[in-house]
Amino acid sequence: MVEPIGTRHRTMQRLRRLSGRRSARTDERAYVIEGPILLADALDAGVPVEEVVAEPDCPEDLLERAARAGATVHRTRPGALARVVDAVTPRPVAAVARFAVPSPAEAAAAAGPLALVLVGVSDPGNAGTLLRSAEAAGAGAVVFCDGSVDPYSPKCVRASAGALFRLAVVRDAPSADALAALGGAGYRTIATLARSARPYDEADLGDRVALVLGSEAHGLPGAVASLVDEAVTIPMAGRAESLNVAMAGTILCFESLRRRRHAGAGAEQPNRLDDTPLRAAGCTTR
């Protein structure tokens, strides 16, 4: 029988370090995956998993899969992982995986019909949701710019629900470099603004679009907005100043998917909010 490792074991200390410190993730180009479902998703996506630490409740077949994929599997006692990883709800398994470091140009080459550029998006839950929505809507790349959260932070990894494993993800890119790379690859860059822009349903959000989203608190900086091809807003009927960035990004991601689906079917879709004038519908572009 393999002797369980304790919290002082080097692998447990590595889990603690990578869970808690962005600088450690940067230095090692590694991050933590928590829970059986996410670990299975990572293995399905071919993510390079180096080490796995499992409590007794972890499914054995999952550990066998990880070992076949080249991971070193360790055992630990019940409750030990809760002392070293970030999750509020303890999981019976945690793994250390490597991440790629693509350039903005490499991400643009992998983006397919849709890319996201996140500028100063600092909340890991919002960033993870945007990763999830982007991948679900057919995007191939998400670029984190100008002080955005680390996409490989534990909360962001969890919120992405596995989408992170299937996207080309860029960390810490200057927004000017990201926009130049996407523009050079033939993408139209479209900023999302809270007000004073064209309604999104009047813009072409179909194929080869890069959606540019600003921070939760301050929106998109003017210097970045000046670099994009077009700006759009989401008309609202209520009194809210703006939408949550994850919600706004999700709406636009799926509008892009809708346009592409109907273009593939040969249908014409003007999508003018049921052809009702905005003010007649009680909406304002603010």
Protein backbone atom coordinates (compact mmCIF):
# COMPACT_ATOMS: atom_id res chain seq x y z
CA MET A 1 0.00 0.00 0.00
CA VAL A 2 1.30 3.48 -0.93
CA GLU A 3 1.93 5.69 2.10
CA PRO A 4 -0.27 8.85 2.01
CA ILE A 5 1.62 12.11 1.71
CA GLY A 6 1.09 14.91 4.23
CA THR A 7 0.79 18.67 3.88
CA ARG A 8 4.57 19.13 4.23
CA HIS A 9 5.29 16.97 1.18
CA ARG A 10 6.85 18.94 -1.68
CA THR A 11 3.85 18.29 -3.96
CA MET A 12 1.40 19.55 -1.36
CA GLN A 13 3.55 22.64 -0.90
CA ARG A 14 3.59 23.08 -4.66
CA LEU A 15 -0.22 22.96 -4.71
CA ARG A 16 -0.33 25.60 -1.97
CA ARG A 17 2.17 27.83 -3.81
CA LEU A 18 0.47 27.60 -7.20
CA SER A 19 -2.99 28.11 -5.69
CA GLY A 20 -1.98 31.24 -3.84
CA ARG A 21 0.59 33.09 -5.94
CA ARG A 22 0.35 34.39 -9.47
CA SER A 23 4.12 34.82 -9.56
CA ALA A 24 4.57 31.12 -8.82
CA ARG A 25 2.25 30.20 -11.68
CA THR A 26 4.20 32.52 -13.96
CA ASP A 27 7.58 31.13 -12.93
CA GLU A 28 6.54 27.49 -13.34
CA ARG A 29 4.05 27.95 -16.17
CA ALA A 30 1.82 25.71 -14.10
CA TYR A 31 -1.50 25.91 -12.28
CA VAL A 32 -3.90 23.88 -10.14
CA ILE A 33 -6.96 21.95 -11.32
CA GLU A 34 -9.42 21.04 -8.56
CA GLY A 35 -12.01 18.28 -8.57
CA PRO A 36 -12.75 15.11 -10.57
CA ILE A 37 -14.90 16.78 -13.23
CA LEU A 38 -12.35 19.44 -14.15
CA LEU A 39 -9.50 16.94 -14.07
CA ALA A 40 -11.41 14.65 -16.43
CA ASP A 41 -12.10 17.61 -18.75
CA ALA A 42 -8.41 18.50 -18.72
CA LEU A 43 -7.39 14.97 -19.61
CA ASP A 44 -10.00 14.89 -22.40
CA ALA A 45 -8.53 18.12 -23.79
CA GLY A 46 -4.96 16.80 -23.70
CA VAL A 47 -3.78 19.25 -21.04
CA PRO A 48 -0.33 18.18 -19.77
CA VAL A 49 -0.99 17.08 -16.17
CA GLU A 50 2.19 16.55 -14.16
CA GLU A 51 1.05 15.56 -10.67
CA VAL A 52 -2.19 14.43 -9.06
CA VAL A 53 -2.99 14.25 -5.36
CA ALA A 54 -6.05 12.19 -4.45
CA GLU A 55 -8.01 11.61 -1.28
CA PRO A 56 -9.73 8.22 -0.78
CA ASP A 57 -13.05 9.40 -2.30
CA CYS A 58 -11.51 10.14 -5.69
CA PRO A 59 -12.65 7.74 -8.46
CA GLU A 60 -9.95 5.16 -9.17
CA ASP A 61 -10.59 5.09 -12.89
CA LEU A 62 -9.79 8.81 -13.08
CA LEU A 63 -6.47 8.26 -11.34
CA GLU A 64 -5.66 5.44 -13.73
CA ARG A 65 -6.39 7.75 -16.67
CA ALA A 66 -4.11 10.41 -15.22
CA ALA A 67 -1.32 7.90 -14.69
CA ARG A 68 -1.65 6.62 -18.28
CA ALA A 69 -1.38 10.23 -19.46
CA GLY A 70 1.96 10.55 -17.67
CA ALA A 71 1.00 12.14 -14.35
CA THR A 72 2.57 11.11 -11.05
CA VAL A 73 -0.27 10.10 -8.72
CA HIS A 74 0.01 10.65 -4.96
CA ARG A 75 -2.40 9.63 -2.20
CA THR A 76 -3.28 11.72 0.79
CA ARG A 77 -5.59 11.51 3.80
CA PRO A 78 -9.19 12.80 3.86
CA GLY A 79 -9.34 16.56 4.35
CA ALA A 80 -5.69 17.19 3.56
CA LEU A 81 -6.30 19.02 0.27
CA ALA A 82 -8.57 21.59 1.92
CA ARG A 83 -5.51 22.81 3.80
CA VAL A 84 -3.45 23.58 0.69
CA VAL A 85 -5.78 24.54 -2.18
CA ASP A 86 -8.11 27.46 -2.76
CA ALA A 87 -11.56 25.84 -3.01
CA VAL A 88 -14.14 26.75 -0.39
CA THR A 89 -15.80 23.37 -0.97
CA PRO A 90 -13.10 20.71 -0.61
CA ARG A 91 -12.58 18.37 -3.57
CA PRO A 92 -11.16 14.85 -3.37
CA VAL A 93 -8.48 15.48 -5.99
CA ALA A 94 -6.18 18.28 -7.14
CA ALA A 95 -3.66 18.31 -9.97
CA VAL A 96 -0.78 20.39 -11.24
CA ALA A 97 -0.94 21.11 -14.97
CA ARG A 98 1.18 23.07 -17.40
CA PHE A 99 -0.15 25.94 -19.49
CA ALA A 100 1.01 27.14 -22.89
CA VAL A 101 2.23 30.70 -23.41
CA PRO A 102 0.99 31.71 -26.87
CA SER A 103 1.72 35.14 -28.30
CA PRO A 104 -1.13 37.41 -29.45
CA ALA A 105 -0.26 36.49 -33.04
CA GLU A 106 -0.47 32.76 -32.24
CA ALA A 107 -3.80 33.30 -30.50
CA ALA A 108 -5.10 35.19 -33.53
CA ALA A 109 -4.12 32.26 -35.74
CA ALA A 110 -6.10 29.92 -33.49
CA ALA A 111 -9.13 32.13 -32.89
CA GLY A 112 -11.38 30.80 -35.63
CA PRO A 113 -14.55 32.86 -36.10
CA LEU A 114 -14.44 34.69 -32.76
CA ALA A 115 -11.96 36.02 -30.21
CA LEU A 116 -12.30 37.94 -26.95
CA VAL A 117 -9.95 40.63 -25.72
CA LEU A 118 -10.34 41.41 -22.00
CA VAL A 119 -8.89 44.76 -20.89
CA GLY A 120 -8.53 45.20 -17.15
CA VAL A 121 -11.16 42.56 -16.30
CA SER A 122 -10.15 41.89 -12.73
CA ASP A 123 -12.85 39.65 -11.27
CA PRO A 124 -11.95 35.95 -11.68
CA GLY A 125 -15.59 34.86 -11.67
CA ASN A 126 -16.45 37.22 -14.52
CA ALA A 127 -13.32 36.21 -16.44
CA GLY A 128 -14.10 32.51 -16.02
CA THR A 129 -17.67 33.06 -17.18
CA LEU A 130 -16.40 34.90 -20.26
CA LEU A 131 -14.05 32.02 -21.06
CA ARG A 132 -16.98 29.63 -20.76
CA SER A 133 -19.28 31.76 -22.92
CA ALA A 134 -16.59 32.39 -25.52
CA GLU A 135 -15.81 28.70 -25.97
CA ALA A 136 -19.50 27.79 -26.04
CA ALA A 137 -20.09 30.36 -28.79
CA GLY A 138 -17.26 28.99 -30.93
CA ALA A 139 -14.38 31.29 -30.04
CA GLY A 140 -10.89 29.91 -30.34
CA ALA A 141 -8.94 32.47 -28.31
CA VAL A 142 -9.22 34.82 -25.34
CA VAL A 143 -6.54 37.45 -24.70
CA PHE A 144 -6.12 38.91 -21.19
CA CYS A 145 -4.66 42.43 -21.32
CA ASP A 146 -3.65 45.42 -19.22
CA GLY A 147 -3.93 44.18 -15.66
CA SER A 148 -6.64 41.58 -16.18
CA VAL A 149 -6.93 38.72 -13.71
CA ASP A 150 -4.75 35.64 -14.16
CA PRO A 151 -6.87 33.16 -16.18
CA TYR A 152 -5.07 30.34 -14.35
CA SER A 153 -6.05 31.53 -10.87
CA PRO A 154 -8.06 28.84 -9.05
CA LYS A 155 -11.38 30.72 -9.07
CA CYS A 156 -11.08 31.56 -12.76
CA VAL A 157 -10.23 27.95 -13.61
CA ARG A 158 -13.31 26.76 -11.71
CA ALA A 159 -15.59 29.42 -13.23
CA SER A 160 -14.47 28.52 -16.75
CA ALA A 161 -15.95 25.02 -16.26
CA GLY A 162 -13.31 23.42 -18.48
CA ALA A 163 -13.47 25.98 -21.31
CA LEU A 164 -9.99 27.19 -20.37
CA PHE A 165 -8.56 23.84 -21.48
CA ARG A 166 -9.95 24.18 -25.01
CA LEU A 167 -8.95 27.76 -25.86
CA ALA A 168 -5.79 29.58 -26.87
CA VAL A 169 -5.36 31.83 -23.82
CA VAL A 170 -2.91 34.73 -23.62
CA ARG A 171 -1.90 36.23 -20.25
CA ASP A 172 -0.58 39.74 -19.62
CA ALA A 173 -0.64 41.02 -23.20
CA PRO A 174 -0.54 44.75 -23.94
CA SER A 175 -3.91 45.63 -25.50
CA ALA A 176 -2.27 47.48 -28.40
CA ASP A 177 -0.30 44.34 -29.32
CA ALA A 178 -3.40 42.15 -29.08
CA LEU A 179 -5.50 44.44 -31.27
CA ALA A 180 -2.70 44.80 -33.82
CA ALA A 181 -2.26 41.01 -34.04
CA LEU A 182 -5.98 40.39 -34.47
CA GLY A 183 -6.39 43.20 -36.97
CA GLY A 184 -3.40 41.91 -38.92
CA ALA A 185 -5.03 38.48 -39.05
CA GLY A 186 -8.18 39.92 -40.58
CA TYR A 187 -10.39 40.30 -37.50
CA ARG A 188 -12.68 43.27 -37.03
CA THR A 189 -12.20 44.58 -33.50
CA ILE A 190 -15.44 45.64 -31.84
CA ALA A 191 -15.52 47.39 -28.47
CA THR A 192 -18.44 47.17 -26.08
CA LEU A 193 -19.41 50.47 -24.47
CA ALA A 194 -22.13 51.26 -21.96
CA ARG A 195 -23.45 54.20 -23.97
CA SER A 196 -22.98 56.47 -27.01
CA ALA A 197 -22.34 53.69 -29.51
CA ARG A 198 -24.20 51.83 -32.23
CA PRO A 199 -26.72 49.21 -30.99
CA TYR A 200 -25.16 45.78 -31.25
CA ASP A 201 -28.01 44.38 -33.36
CA GLU A 202 -27.17 46.86 -36.13
CA ALA A 203 -23.51 45.81 -36.35
CA ASP A 204 -21.99 42.87 -38.20
CA LEU A 205 -20.97 40.47 -35.44
CA GLY A 206 -20.62 37.44 -37.68
CA ASP A 207 -17.42 35.77 -38.80
CA ARG A 208 -13.87 36.84 -37.76
CA VAL A 209 -14.80 39.25 -35.00
CA ALA A 210 -12.80 40.15 -31.89
CA LEU A 211 -14.95 41.47 -29.05
CA VAL A 212 -13.11 43.91 -26.78
CA LEU A 213 -14.44 44.16 -23.20
CA GLY A 214 -13.36 46.58 -20.49
CA SER A 215 -13.15 46.40 -16.73
CA GLU A 216 -16.12 45.90 -14.43
CA ALA A 217 -15.66 49.24 -12.69
CA HIS A 218 -14.39 51.59 -15.39
CA GLY A 219 -15.25 50.05 -18.74
CA LEU A 220 -12.90 50.32 -21.68
CA PRO A 221 -10.19 53.01 -21.50
CA GLY A 222 -10.49 55.70 -24.13
CA ALA A 223 -7.00 54.97 -25.44
CA VAL A 224 -8.02 51.37 -26.17
CA ALA A 225 -11.42 52.32 -27.57
CA SER A 226 -9.65 54.58 -30.07
CA LEU A 227 -7.81 51.58 -31.53
CA VAL A 228 -10.83 49.42 -32.41
CA ASP A 229 -12.72 49.30 -35.70
CA GLU A 230 -16.16 49.85 -34.20
CA ALA A 231 -17.99 50.25 -30.90
CA VAL A 232 -21.39 48.85 -29.96
CA THR A 233 -23.72 49.06 -26.99
CA ILE A 234 -26.55 46.89 -25.66
CA PRO A 235 -29.81 48.89 -25.56
CA MET A 236 -31.61 48.72 -22.22
CA ALA A 237 -35.16 49.57 -21.22
CA GLY A 238 -34.50 49.90 -17.49
CA ARG A 239 -32.55 52.35 -15.36
CA ALA A 240 -29.37 50.29 -14.97
CA GLU A 241 -26.18 52.14 -15.91
CA SER A 242 -24.67 49.08 -17.56
CA LEU A 243 -24.61 45.29 -17.56
CA ASN A 244 -22.16 43.07 -15.74
CA VAL A 245 -19.19 42.50 -18.08
CA ALA A 246 -19.71 38.74 -18.12
CA MET A 247 -23.38 39.18 -19.04
CA ALA A 248 -22.64 41.74 -21.74
CA GLY A 249 -19.88 39.60 -23.22
CA THR A 250 -22.12 36.53 -23.21
CA ILE A 251 -24.89 38.37 -25.07
CA LEU A 252 -22.47 39.47 -27.78
CA CYS A 253 -20.76 36.08 -28.05
CA PHE A 254 -24.06 34.37 -28.71
CA GLU A 255 -25.20 37.09 -31.10
CA SER A 256 -22.05 36.31 -33.08
CA LEU A 257 -22.89 32.61 -33.01
CA ARG A 258 -26.49 33.34 -34.08
CA ARG A 259 -25.26 35.35 -37.06
CA ARG A 260 -22.89 32.59 -38.13
CA ARG A 261 -25.54 29.88 -37.77
CA HIS A 262 -28.00 31.75 -39.94
CA ALA A 263 -25.33 32.71 -42.48
CA GLY A 264 -24.47 29.01 -42.76
CA ALA A 265 -28.14 28.22 -43.37
CA GLY A 266 -28.35 30.92 -46.03
CA ALA A 267 -30.92 32.96 -44.11
CA GLU A 268 -30.96 36.73 -44.01
CA GLN A 269 -31.07 38.05 -40.46
CA PRO A 270 -31.23 41.82 -40.06
CA ASN A 271 -31.94 41.31 -36.33
CA ARG A 272 -33.33 44.73 -35.55
CA LEU A 273 -34.85 43.78 -32.18
CA ASP A 274 -37.95 42.43 -33.95
CA ASP A 275 -37.83 45.49 -36.23
CA THR A 276 -39.23 47.67 -33.44
CA PRO A 277 -37.59 51.10 -33.10
CA LEU A 278 -35.56 51.26 -29.92
CA ARG A 279 -37.50 54.09 -28.32
CA ALA A 280 -40.81 52.52 -29.26
CA ALA A 281 -39.65 49.42 -27.42
CA GLY A 282 -38.82 51.53 -24.38
CA CYS A 283 -35.06 51.13 -24.91
CA THR A 284 -32.28 53.67 -24.88
CA THR A 285 -28.64 53.32 -25.92
CA ARG A 286 -27.72 55.59 -23.00
